[in-house]
Amino acid sequence: MAFYAYILASAPYGTLYTGSTDDLSRRLYEHREKIRPGFTAKYDVTRLVWYEPYETREGAFRRERRIKEWRRRWKVELIESVNPTWTDLYDEIMSPLGFR
């Protein structure tokens, strides 16, 4: 089983949200459909702009917590290091080829 740390954005350079999960596709669906009330539903933060797989839940959670402590500029730099156009990666992970 894989675990993931991820960053969502409302739009390029918009509001950011950092999370971690053991089921990225399910969690993204919950964010997109606003199934759970909260920050992402309130601010329409649904675009997956960065994610990173981990072997353990603890690893993904630690990465999430570290990123949440970062300055916004550092988060933007992390996103743009792998996704310079802020493309929504949802279709990439939902494709038959699966996760990277």
Protein backbone atom coordinates (compact mmCIF):
# COMPACT_ATOMS: atom_id res chain seq x y z
CA MET A 1 0.00 0.00 0.00
CA ALA A 2 1.25 3.49 -0.83
CA PHE A 3 0.70 6.68 1.12
CA TYR A 4 0.81 10.21 -0.28
CA ALA A 5 1.55 13.78 0.71
CA TYR A 6 -0.16 16.22 -1.65
CA ILE A 7 -0.85 19.88 -2.36
CA LEU A 8 -4.08 21.23 -3.83
CA ALA A 9 -4.64 24.72 -5.23
CA SER A 10 -7.75 26.73 -6.04
CA ALA A 11 -6.03 28.00 -9.22
CA PRO A 12 -2.47 28.70 -10.34
CA TYR A 13 -0.93 30.76 -7.50
CA GLY A 14 -4.22 30.54 -5.63
CA THR A 15 -5.11 29.22 -2.20
CA LEU A 16 -3.07 26.14 -1.21
CA TYR A 17 -3.93 23.12 0.92
CA THR A 18 -1.51 20.39 2.04
CA GLY A 19 -2.65 16.93 3.11
CA SER A 20 -1.73 13.27 3.32
CA THR A 21 -3.71 10.09 2.65
CA ASP A 22 -3.52 6.37 1.96
CA ASP A 23 -5.98 6.63 -0.96
CA LEU A 24 -5.22 9.64 -3.12
CA SER A 25 -7.94 9.06 -5.73
CA ARG A 26 -10.66 8.71 -3.06
CA ARG A 27 -9.41 11.76 -1.16
CA LEU A 28 -9.30 13.87 -4.32
CA TYR A 29 -12.86 12.83 -5.11
CA GLU A 30 -13.91 13.96 -1.62
CA HIS A 31 -12.22 17.34 -2.12
CA ARG A 32 -13.68 17.83 -5.61
CA GLU A 33 -17.22 16.88 -4.61
CA LYS A 34 -17.00 18.81 -1.33
CA ILE A 35 -18.14 15.73 0.58
CA ARG A 36 -16.55 16.93 3.82
CA PRO A 37 -17.16 20.48 4.95
CA GLY A 38 -14.00 22.41 5.70
CA PHE A 39 -11.22 24.51 4.24
CA THR A 40 -11.05 22.98 0.76
CA ALA A 41 -14.82 23.07 0.31
CA LYS A 42 -15.08 26.64 1.60
CA TYR A 43 -12.31 27.98 -0.65
CA ASP A 44 -12.88 25.67 -3.65
CA VAL A 45 -9.40 24.15 -3.42
CA THR A 46 -9.64 21.13 -5.73
CA ARG A 47 -6.73 21.22 -8.22
CA LEU A 48 -4.04 18.59 -7.49
CA VAL A 49 -0.75 20.36 -8.27
CA TRP A 50 1.80 18.19 -6.43
CA TYR A 51 1.99 14.79 -4.78
CA GLU A 52 4.67 12.46 -3.51
CA PRO A 53 4.37 8.74 -2.63
CA TYR A 54 5.65 7.22 0.62
CA GLU A 55 5.99 3.67 1.86
CA THR A 56 4.54 4.47 5.28
CA ARG A 57 1.68 6.53 6.65
CA GLU A 58 4.13 8.14 9.06
CA GLY A 59 6.43 9.24 6.21
CA ALA A 60 3.59 10.91 4.32
CA PHE A 61 2.26 12.54 7.49
CA ARG A 62 5.71 13.89 8.45
CA ARG A 63 6.15 15.37 4.97
CA GLU A 64 2.69 16.99 5.18
CA ARG A 65 3.51 18.54 8.55
CA ARG A 66 6.89 19.83 7.34
CA ILE A 67 5.35 21.44 4.26
CA LYS A 68 2.61 23.07 6.34
CA GLU A 69 5.32 24.88 8.30
CA TRP A 70 6.94 26.27 5.13
CA ARG A 71 6.62 29.76 3.75
CA ARG A 72 4.24 30.04 0.82
CA ARG A 73 7.11 30.85 -1.57
CA TRP A 74 8.77 27.51 -0.74
CA LYS A 75 5.53 25.65 -1.48
CA VAL A 76 5.22 27.42 -4.83
CA GLU A 77 8.83 26.49 -5.64
CA LEU A 78 8.14 22.84 -4.76
CA ILE A 79 5.06 22.77 -7.00
CA GLU A 80 6.82 24.47 -9.89
CA SER A 81 9.84 22.14 -9.64
CA VAL A 82 7.65 19.31 -10.96
CA ASN A 83 4.59 21.13 -12.33
CA PRO A 84 5.63 24.55 -13.69
CA THR A 85 2.28 25.16 -15.41
CA TRP A 86 0.21 24.21 -12.34
CA THR A 87 -1.61 21.57 -14.38
CA ASP A 88 -4.30 19.66 -12.50
CA LEU A 89 -2.73 16.21 -12.03
CA TYR A 90 -6.05 14.52 -11.27
CA ASP A 91 -6.38 13.04 -14.77
CA GLU A 92 -2.78 11.79 -14.57
CA ILE A 93 -3.43 9.74 -11.45
CA MET A 94 -6.81 8.53 -12.67
CA SER A 95 -5.42 7.32 -16.02
CA PRO A 96 -5.05 3.57 -16.67
CA LEU A 97 -1.27 3.99 -16.28
CA GLY A 98 -1.81 5.04 -12.68
CA PHE A 99 0.43 6.97 -10.34
CA ARG A 100 3.97 8.07 -11.11
